[in-house]
N, C-alpha and C. Protein backbone atom coordinates (compact mmCIF):
# COMPACT_ATOMS: atom_id res chain seq x y z
N MET A 1 0.84 -1.16 0.02
CA MET A 1 -0.01 -0.01 0.00
C MET A 1 0.89 1.25 0.01
N LYS A 2 0.56 2.14 -0.88
CA LYS A 2 1.37 3.38 -0.99
C LYS A 2 0.65 4.52 -0.29
N TYR A 3 1.43 5.23 0.53
CA TYR A 3 0.85 6.36 1.34
C TYR A 3 1.33 7.65 0.66
N TYR A 4 0.44 8.63 0.82
CA TYR A 4 0.77 9.98 0.33
C TYR A 4 1.70 10.63 1.32
N GLN A 5 2.75 11.12 0.83
CA GLN A 5 3.73 11.82 1.66
C GLN A 5 3.71 13.34 1.28
N ALA A 6 3.31 14.12 2.25
CA ALA A 6 3.29 15.57 2.03
C ALA A 6 4.69 16.06 1.70
N PRO A 7 4.84 17.03 0.78
CA PRO A 7 6.14 17.54 0.48
C PRO A 7 6.72 18.27 1.70
N LYS A 8 8.04 18.22 1.78
CA LYS A 8 8.70 18.96 2.85
C LYS A 8 8.53 20.43 2.62
N PRO A 9 8.34 21.21 3.70
CA PRO A 9 8.21 22.68 3.51
C PRO A 9 9.53 23.25 3.02
N LEU A 10 9.42 24.28 2.15
CA LEU A 10 10.62 24.93 1.72
C LEU A 10 11.12 25.84 2.83
N LYS A 11 12.44 25.87 3.04
CA LYS A 11 13.03 26.65 4.12
C LYS A 11 13.45 27.98 3.58
N PHE A 12 12.84 29.05 4.20
CA PHE A 12 13.20 30.42 3.88
C PHE A 12 14.09 30.97 4.93
N LEU A 13 15.14 31.63 4.52
CA LEU A 13 16.07 32.31 5.43
C LEU A 13 16.00 33.81 5.11
N TYR A 14 15.68 34.60 6.10
CA TYR A 14 15.67 36.09 5.92
C TYR A 14 16.95 36.62 6.50
N LEU A 15 17.64 37.42 5.74
CA LEU A 15 18.82 38.16 6.24
C LEU A 15 18.44 39.60 6.21
N ASN A 16 18.55 40.23 7.38
CA ASN A 16 18.08 41.63 7.56
C ASN A 16 18.91 42.33 8.60
N SER A 17 18.64 43.66 8.67
CA SER A 17 19.21 44.48 9.74
C SER A 17 18.27 44.47 10.92
N ARG A 18 18.80 44.52 12.13
CA ARG A 18 17.98 44.56 13.34
C ARG A 18 17.06 45.79 13.31
N GLU A 19 17.55 46.88 12.72
CA GLU A 19 16.72 48.13 12.66
C GLU A 19 15.44 47.95 11.78
N ASP A 20 15.46 46.89 10.99
CA ASP A 20 14.31 46.64 10.09
C ASP A 20 13.41 45.55 10.58
N GLU A 21 13.50 45.18 11.88
CA GLU A 21 12.73 44.05 12.39
C GLU A 21 11.21 44.29 12.31
N LYS A 22 10.72 45.53 12.41
CA LYS A 22 9.27 45.77 12.33
C LYS A 22 8.78 45.38 10.93
N LEU A 23 9.52 45.80 9.92
CA LEU A 23 9.13 45.43 8.53
C LEU A 23 9.29 43.91 8.31
N LEU A 24 10.34 43.33 8.91
CA LEU A 24 10.52 41.88 8.82
C LEU A 24 9.35 41.16 9.40
N LYS A 25 8.88 41.56 10.56
CA LYS A 25 7.74 40.91 11.20
C LYS A 25 6.45 41.08 10.40
N ASP A 26 6.26 42.28 9.88
CA ASP A 26 5.07 42.49 8.98
C ASP A 26 5.13 41.61 7.73
N LEU A 27 6.30 41.55 7.12
CA LEU A 27 6.47 40.69 5.93
C LEU A 27 6.29 39.21 6.28
N GLU A 28 6.88 38.80 7.39
CA GLU A 28 6.79 37.40 7.81
C GLU A 28 5.33 37.03 8.08
N LYS A 29 4.60 37.87 8.71
CA LYS A 29 3.15 37.64 9.01
C LYS A 29 2.37 37.49 7.74
N TYR A 30 2.64 38.38 6.76
CA TYR A 30 1.94 38.31 5.52
C TYR A 30 2.25 37.08 4.75
N LEU A 31 3.55 36.74 4.66
CA LEU A 31 3.98 35.56 3.89
C LEU A 31 3.53 34.27 4.54
N SER A 32 3.57 34.23 5.85
CA SER A 32 3.14 32.98 6.57
C SER A 32 1.67 32.71 6.33
N SER A 33 0.86 33.74 6.20
CA SER A 33 -0.53 33.51 5.95
C SER A 33 -0.88 33.35 4.48
N SER A 34 -0.02 33.78 3.59
CA SER A 34 -0.24 33.73 2.18
C SER A 34 0.32 32.51 1.50
N LEU A 35 1.51 32.07 1.93
CA LEU A 35 2.16 30.94 1.28
C LEU A 35 2.12 29.69 2.14
N GLU A 36 1.64 28.62 1.56
CA GLU A 36 1.62 27.34 2.25
C GLU A 36 2.93 26.61 2.01
N GLY A 37 3.27 25.75 2.96
CA GLY A 37 4.42 24.86 2.77
C GLY A 37 5.77 25.55 2.85
N ILE A 38 5.86 26.57 3.73
CA ILE A 38 7.14 27.24 3.92
C ILE A 38 7.47 27.25 5.41
N LYS A 39 8.76 27.25 5.70
CA LYS A 39 9.30 27.34 7.05
C LYS A 39 10.24 28.50 7.06
N ILE A 40 10.01 29.51 7.91
CA ILE A 40 10.78 30.75 7.93
C ILE A 40 11.72 30.79 9.10
N TRP A 41 12.96 31.22 8.87
CA TRP A 41 13.91 31.43 9.98
C TRP A 41 14.67 32.72 9.69
N HIS A 42 14.93 33.44 10.81
CA HIS A 42 15.81 34.62 10.75
C HIS A 42 16.46 34.69 12.12
N GLU A 43 17.48 35.59 12.19
CA GLU A 43 18.28 35.67 13.42
C GLU A 43 17.51 35.95 14.69
N ALA A 44 16.41 36.66 14.58
CA ALA A 44 15.57 36.94 15.76
C ALA A 44 14.96 35.68 16.36
N LYS A 45 14.99 34.59 15.62
CA LYS A 45 14.45 33.36 16.17
C LYS A 45 15.46 32.54 16.92
N THR A 46 16.72 33.07 17.03
CA THR A 46 17.71 32.42 17.85
C THR A 46 17.27 32.52 19.32
N ILE A 47 17.36 31.37 20.03
CA ILE A 47 16.89 31.38 21.42
C ILE A 47 18.13 31.17 22.37
N GLY A 48 17.84 31.43 23.66
CA GLY A 48 18.88 31.33 24.68
C GLY A 48 19.68 29.99 24.56
N GLY A 49 20.90 30.08 24.71
CA GLY A 49 21.76 28.92 24.61
C GLY A 49 22.31 28.63 23.23
N GLN A 50 21.73 29.27 22.24
CA GLN A 50 22.20 29.07 20.83
C GLN A 50 23.19 30.18 20.52
N THR A 51 24.16 29.85 19.64
CA THR A 51 25.12 30.83 19.17
C THR A 51 24.59 31.33 17.80
N PRO A 52 24.39 32.69 17.71
CA PRO A 52 23.84 33.20 16.43
C PRO A 52 24.67 32.79 15.23
N LYS A 53 25.98 32.85 15.32
CA LYS A 53 26.84 32.50 14.13
C LYS A 53 26.62 31.03 13.75
N VAL A 54 26.50 30.10 14.68
CA VAL A 54 26.28 28.72 14.35
C VAL A 54 24.90 28.54 13.76
N GLU A 55 23.91 29.16 14.31
CA GLU A 55 22.53 29.02 13.78
C GLU A 55 22.43 29.59 12.33
N ILE A 56 23.08 30.75 12.17
CA ILE A 56 23.05 31.37 10.84
C ILE A 56 23.69 30.46 9.83
N GLU A 57 24.84 29.90 10.18
CA GLU A 57 25.56 29.02 9.23
C GLU A 57 24.75 27.76 8.96
N LYS A 58 24.12 27.23 9.97
CA LYS A 58 23.26 26.05 9.78
C LYS A 58 22.14 26.36 8.79
N HIS A 59 21.52 27.53 8.94
CA HIS A 59 20.41 27.86 8.05
C HIS A 59 20.86 28.26 6.69
N LEU A 60 22.05 28.90 6.56
CA LEU A 60 22.60 29.20 5.23
C LEU A 60 22.82 27.90 4.46
N ASN A 61 23.22 26.87 5.15
CA ASN A 61 23.51 25.57 4.49
C ASN A 61 22.24 24.84 4.13
N SER A 62 21.16 25.04 4.88
CA SER A 62 19.96 24.22 4.61
C SER A 62 18.82 25.00 3.96
N ALA A 63 18.93 26.31 3.76
CA ALA A 63 17.87 27.11 3.18
C ALA A 63 17.64 26.77 1.70
N ASP A 64 16.36 26.78 1.31
CA ASP A 64 15.97 26.63 -0.09
C ASP A 64 15.95 27.97 -0.75
N ILE A 65 15.49 28.97 0.00
CA ILE A 65 15.33 30.35 -0.53
C ILE A 65 15.87 31.32 0.54
N ILE A 66 16.78 32.19 0.11
CA ILE A 66 17.35 33.23 0.96
C ILE A 66 16.83 34.59 0.52
N LEU A 67 16.17 35.27 1.43
CA LEU A 67 15.66 36.63 1.14
C LEU A 67 16.59 37.63 1.77
N LEU A 68 17.19 38.49 1.00
CA LEU A 68 17.98 39.59 1.45
C LEU A 68 17.13 40.81 1.58
N LEU A 69 16.84 41.24 2.79
CA LEU A 69 15.96 42.41 2.99
C LEU A 69 16.73 43.70 2.87
N ILE A 70 16.71 44.29 1.68
CA ILE A 70 17.57 45.41 1.32
C ILE A 70 17.04 46.71 1.84
N SER A 71 17.89 47.43 2.57
CA SER A 71 17.59 48.74 3.14
C SER A 71 18.92 49.45 3.39
N PRO A 72 18.84 50.75 3.65
CA PRO A 72 20.11 51.43 4.04
C PRO A 72 20.73 50.82 5.29
N ASN A 73 19.84 50.39 6.23
CA ASN A 73 20.35 49.77 7.49
C ASN A 73 21.10 48.49 7.20
N PHE A 74 20.54 47.71 6.29
CA PHE A 74 21.20 46.41 5.96
C PHE A 74 22.49 46.61 5.26
N LEU A 75 22.55 47.56 4.31
CA LEU A 75 23.73 47.72 3.51
C LEU A 75 24.84 48.57 4.19
N SER A 76 24.42 49.37 5.20
CA SER A 76 25.42 50.24 5.89
C SER A 76 26.45 49.42 6.61
N ASP A 77 26.14 48.27 7.03
CA ASP A 77 27.07 47.43 7.78
C ASP A 77 27.25 46.08 7.10
N TYR A 78 27.06 46.07 5.79
CA TYR A 78 27.02 44.86 4.98
C TYR A 78 28.26 43.97 5.17
N ASP A 79 29.44 44.56 5.07
CA ASP A 79 30.64 43.77 5.10
C ASP A 79 30.98 43.26 6.52
N ASN A 80 30.34 43.76 7.53
CA ASN A 80 30.59 43.29 8.89
C ASN A 80 29.55 42.30 9.40
N LYS A 81 28.55 41.99 8.56
CA LYS A 81 27.51 41.04 8.93
C LYS A 81 28.04 39.63 8.95
N ILE A 82 27.71 38.92 10.01
CA ILE A 82 28.14 37.51 10.14
C ILE A 82 27.74 36.69 8.94
N GLU A 83 26.43 36.79 8.50
CA GLU A 83 25.92 35.98 7.47
C GLU A 83 26.60 36.26 6.13
N ILE A 84 26.97 37.49 5.88
CA ILE A 84 27.62 37.85 4.59
C ILE A 84 29.01 37.28 4.59
N ASN A 85 29.71 37.40 5.72
CA ASN A 85 31.08 36.80 5.76
C ASN A 85 31.08 35.31 5.71
N LEU A 86 30.07 34.68 6.35
CA LEU A 86 29.97 33.24 6.23
C LEU A 86 29.70 32.82 4.78
N ALA A 87 28.85 33.56 4.10
CA ALA A 87 28.55 33.24 2.70
C ALA A 87 29.77 33.44 1.79
N LYS A 88 30.55 34.50 2.05
CA LYS A 88 31.74 34.75 1.26
C LYS A 88 32.81 33.67 1.51
N ALA A 89 32.87 33.13 2.74
CA ALA A 89 33.97 32.20 3.03
C ALA A 89 33.62 30.76 2.58
N ARG A 90 32.46 30.52 2.10
CA ARG A 90 32.05 29.17 1.68
C ARG A 90 32.88 28.71 0.52
N GLU A 91 33.29 27.43 0.55
CA GLU A 91 34.01 26.87 -0.57
C GLU A 91 33.01 26.43 -1.64
N GLN A 92 31.85 25.95 -1.23
CA GLN A 92 30.80 25.52 -2.11
C GLN A 92 29.91 26.71 -2.43
N PRO A 93 29.42 26.85 -3.66
CA PRO A 93 28.46 27.91 -3.93
C PRO A 93 27.16 27.70 -3.21
N ILE A 94 26.43 28.73 -2.94
CA ILE A 94 25.16 28.67 -2.30
C ILE A 94 24.18 28.00 -3.24
N LYS A 95 23.46 26.97 -2.78
CA LYS A 95 22.53 26.23 -3.61
C LYS A 95 21.14 26.84 -3.57
N ALA A 96 20.89 27.64 -2.58
CA ALA A 96 19.56 28.26 -2.43
C ALA A 96 19.34 29.34 -3.51
N THR A 97 18.08 29.58 -3.75
CA THR A 97 17.70 30.72 -4.61
C THR A 97 17.82 31.99 -3.71
N VAL A 98 18.53 32.97 -4.21
CA VAL A 98 18.77 34.20 -3.43
C VAL A 98 17.96 35.31 -4.10
N ILE A 99 17.12 36.00 -3.28
CA ILE A 99 16.23 36.98 -3.80
C ILE A 99 16.36 38.28 -2.97
N PRO A 100 16.75 39.41 -3.59
CA PRO A 100 16.72 40.69 -2.88
C PRO A 100 15.25 41.14 -2.72
N VAL A 101 14.86 41.50 -1.51
CA VAL A 101 13.54 42.07 -1.26
C VAL A 101 13.82 43.56 -0.89
N LEU A 102 13.31 44.46 -1.73
CA LEU A 102 13.62 45.88 -1.59
C LEU A 102 12.68 46.50 -0.58
N LEU A 103 13.20 46.72 0.65
CA LEU A 103 12.39 47.27 1.75
C LEU A 103 12.23 48.76 1.62
N THR A 104 13.33 49.48 1.79
CA THR A 104 13.31 50.92 1.76
C THR A 104 14.32 51.42 0.71
N LYS A 105 14.03 52.62 0.19
CA LYS A 105 14.85 53.17 -0.93
C LYS A 105 16.31 53.27 -0.57
N ILE A 106 17.13 52.85 -1.47
CA ILE A 106 18.56 53.07 -1.43
C ILE A 106 19.18 53.00 -2.79
N ILE A 107 19.94 53.92 -3.14
CA ILE A 107 20.64 53.91 -4.43
C ILE A 107 21.90 53.03 -4.35
N GLY A 108 22.13 52.24 -5.36
CA GLY A 108 23.34 51.48 -5.48
C GLY A 108 23.29 50.07 -4.82
N TRP A 109 22.16 49.57 -4.44
CA TRP A 109 22.13 48.23 -3.82
C TRP A 109 22.61 47.17 -4.77
N GLU A 110 22.49 47.44 -6.10
CA GLU A 110 22.88 46.40 -7.11
C GLU A 110 24.37 46.16 -7.14
N ARG A 111 25.18 47.03 -6.61
CA ARG A 111 26.62 46.80 -6.71
C ARG A 111 27.17 45.80 -5.69
N TYR A 112 26.34 45.40 -4.79
CA TYR A 112 26.78 44.44 -3.74
C TYR A 112 26.67 43.01 -4.26
N SER A 113 27.42 42.10 -3.58
CA SER A 113 27.40 40.71 -3.91
C SER A 113 27.02 39.89 -2.67
N PHE A 114 26.46 38.73 -2.92
CA PHE A 114 26.16 37.78 -1.85
C PHE A 114 26.81 36.48 -2.24
N ALA A 115 27.77 36.06 -1.44
CA ALA A 115 28.55 34.84 -1.80
C ALA A 115 29.12 35.06 -3.23
N ASN A 116 28.75 34.18 -4.11
CA ASN A 116 29.25 34.25 -5.51
C ASN A 116 28.28 34.94 -6.44
N LEU A 117 27.27 35.58 -5.91
CA LEU A 117 26.24 36.22 -6.76
C LEU A 117 26.24 37.77 -6.67
N LYS A 118 26.16 38.39 -7.82
CA LYS A 118 26.03 39.82 -7.86
C LYS A 118 24.56 40.17 -7.74
N LEU A 119 24.22 41.09 -6.86
CA LEU A 119 22.79 41.43 -6.64
C LEU A 119 22.18 41.99 -7.92
N ALA A 120 22.99 42.71 -8.70
CA ALA A 120 22.46 43.29 -9.97
C ALA A 120 21.92 42.22 -10.95
N ASN A 121 22.44 41.02 -10.78
CA ASN A 121 22.00 39.94 -11.68
C ASN A 121 20.78 39.16 -11.16
N LEU A 122 20.29 39.52 -9.98
CA LEU A 122 19.16 38.85 -9.41
C LEU A 122 17.87 39.66 -9.53
N GLU A 123 16.79 39.04 -9.78
CA GLU A 123 15.52 39.74 -9.94
C GLU A 123 14.95 40.03 -8.53
N PRO A 124 14.80 41.30 -8.21
CA PRO A 124 14.32 41.65 -6.83
C PRO A 124 12.80 41.58 -6.76
N LEU A 125 12.33 41.57 -5.53
CA LEU A 125 10.87 41.67 -5.23
C LEU A 125 10.66 42.87 -4.36
N PRO A 126 9.57 43.54 -4.38
CA PRO A 126 8.36 43.21 -5.14
C PRO A 126 8.51 43.45 -6.63
N GLN A 127 9.23 44.48 -7.06
CA GLN A 127 9.53 44.70 -8.48
C GLN A 127 10.76 45.56 -8.56
N LYS A 128 11.46 45.45 -9.70
CA LYS A 128 12.70 46.22 -9.89
C LYS A 128 12.48 47.70 -9.57
N ASP A 129 13.31 48.34 -8.76
CA ASP A 129 13.28 49.72 -8.36
C ASP A 129 11.93 50.15 -7.71
N LYS A 130 11.18 49.22 -7.17
CA LYS A 130 9.95 49.55 -6.44
C LYS A 130 10.12 48.97 -5.03
N PHE A 131 10.28 49.87 -4.08
CA PHE A 131 10.58 49.49 -2.71
C PHE A 131 9.29 49.36 -1.93
N ILE A 132 9.20 48.44 -1.00
CA ILE A 132 7.98 48.18 -0.19
C ILE A 132 7.44 49.42 0.49
N THR A 133 8.31 50.26 0.99
CA THR A 133 7.86 51.40 1.76
C THR A 133 7.61 52.69 0.92
N ASP A 134 7.75 52.58 -0.39
CA ASP A 134 7.51 53.74 -1.25
C ASP A 134 6.08 54.01 -1.45
N ARG A 135 5.56 55.03 -0.82
CA ARG A 135 4.10 55.41 -0.87
C ARG A 135 3.70 55.90 -2.24
N ARG A 136 4.67 56.33 -3.06
CA ARG A 136 4.31 56.80 -4.40
C ARG A 136 3.98 55.60 -5.36
N VAL A 137 4.42 54.45 -4.98
CA VAL A 137 4.27 53.21 -5.80
C VAL A 137 3.09 52.41 -5.21
N TRP A 138 3.05 52.21 -3.95
CA TRP A 138 2.08 51.35 -3.28
C TRP A 138 1.10 52.19 -2.43
N ILE A 139 -0.17 51.87 -2.46
CA ILE A 139 -1.09 52.58 -1.61
C ILE A 139 -0.78 52.28 -0.14
N ASN A 140 -0.42 51.04 0.13
CA ASN A 140 -0.03 50.64 1.46
C ASN A 140 0.94 49.48 1.40
N LYS A 141 1.49 49.08 2.50
CA LYS A 141 2.49 47.97 2.53
C LYS A 141 1.88 46.66 2.06
N ASN A 142 0.60 46.49 2.29
CA ASN A 142 -0.04 45.20 1.94
C ASN A 142 -0.01 45.00 0.44
N ASP A 143 -0.09 46.07 -0.34
CA ASP A 143 -0.02 45.96 -1.81
C ASP A 143 1.35 45.46 -2.19
N ALA A 144 2.39 46.01 -1.58
CA ALA A 144 3.75 45.61 -1.86
C ALA A 144 4.00 44.16 -1.38
N PHE A 145 3.47 43.81 -0.19
CA PHE A 145 3.58 42.45 0.33
C PHE A 145 2.88 41.44 -0.65
N TYR A 146 1.73 41.86 -1.17
CA TYR A 146 1.00 40.99 -2.12
C TYR A 146 1.86 40.68 -3.31
N PHE A 147 2.48 41.70 -3.94
CA PHE A 147 3.35 41.46 -5.08
C PHE A 147 4.56 40.64 -4.72
N THR A 148 5.10 40.84 -3.53
CA THR A 148 6.22 40.01 -3.02
C THR A 148 5.77 38.56 -2.89
N ALA A 149 4.61 38.34 -2.27
CA ALA A 149 4.10 36.99 -2.04
C ALA A 149 3.84 36.30 -3.40
N GLN A 150 3.29 37.07 -4.36
CA GLN A 150 3.06 36.50 -5.69
C GLN A 150 4.33 36.02 -6.30
N GLY A 151 5.41 36.84 -6.24
CA GLY A 151 6.68 36.49 -6.81
C GLY A 151 7.25 35.26 -6.11
N LEU A 152 7.16 35.24 -4.79
CA LEU A 152 7.70 34.10 -3.98
C LEU A 152 6.91 32.82 -4.27
N GLU A 153 5.59 32.93 -4.47
CA GLU A 153 4.79 31.79 -4.83
C GLU A 153 5.27 31.15 -6.12
N LYS A 154 5.63 31.97 -7.10
CA LYS A 154 6.10 31.46 -8.39
C LYS A 154 7.49 30.72 -8.16
N VAL A 155 8.36 31.34 -7.34
CA VAL A 155 9.62 30.73 -7.07
C VAL A 155 9.43 29.41 -6.30
N LYS A 156 8.50 29.42 -5.33
CA LYS A 156 8.23 28.27 -4.51
C LYS A 156 7.70 27.09 -5.43
N GLN A 157 6.78 27.40 -6.35
CA GLN A 157 6.25 26.39 -7.23
C GLN A 157 7.36 25.83 -8.11
N ASP A 158 8.24 26.69 -8.62
CA ASP A 158 9.36 26.24 -9.45
C ASP A 158 10.28 25.31 -8.70
N LYS A 159 10.61 25.74 -7.47
CA LYS A 159 11.48 24.95 -6.62
C LYS A 159 10.84 23.60 -6.30
N THR A 160 9.57 23.62 -5.97
CA THR A 160 8.87 22.39 -5.60
C THR A 160 8.83 21.43 -6.76
N SER A 161 8.51 21.95 -7.97
CA SER A 161 8.46 21.05 -9.14
C SER A 161 9.85 20.50 -9.49
N ARG A 162 10.90 21.29 -9.27
CA ARG A 162 12.28 20.77 -9.54
C ARG A 162 12.60 19.71 -8.54
N ASN A 163 12.25 19.91 -7.25
CA ASN A 163 12.50 18.93 -6.16
C ASN A 163 11.78 17.63 -6.49
N ASN A 164 10.56 17.74 -7.03
CA ASN A 164 9.77 16.52 -7.33
C ASN A 164 10.38 15.71 -8.51
N LEU A 165 11.15 16.42 -9.37
CA LEU A 165 11.79 15.72 -10.48
C LEU A 165 13.04 14.92 -10.07
N LYS A 166 13.56 15.24 -8.91
CA LYS A 166 14.80 14.62 -8.45
C LYS A 166 14.52 13.19 -7.94
């Protein structure tokens, strides 16, 4: 007798600045209720007794999708971030899909790299040059979160179908 086995949830890793945690929590709440079959982790989920560097490295190695939450706060200290240095030091390329999520306006985010990937070569969400907090583009954050969720749903479906082919 053959049993149905539910697919494993895709593991999302958010990399962000602590100053952007309010936006992170809003985005996480929206995505958790919009996308099925995902498991989200970010540094704020580190609990007592755990070492942030060890936890970040563990999740860098196991993530299916890495979301870089782009903001001036995130990029101002980019080269000193644990997760960025861990990604740069890797001998193996990152296997996860890396997606920049444009939180707040900043010029020049495209010139940065993550591990072996140039951000300029990655398609950002919610849309190219449209930042989540830009009131001239979005009526409210939920509109931007909706477009972000739509884009992530497409990525999730693509990843799931590729995993099913293996």
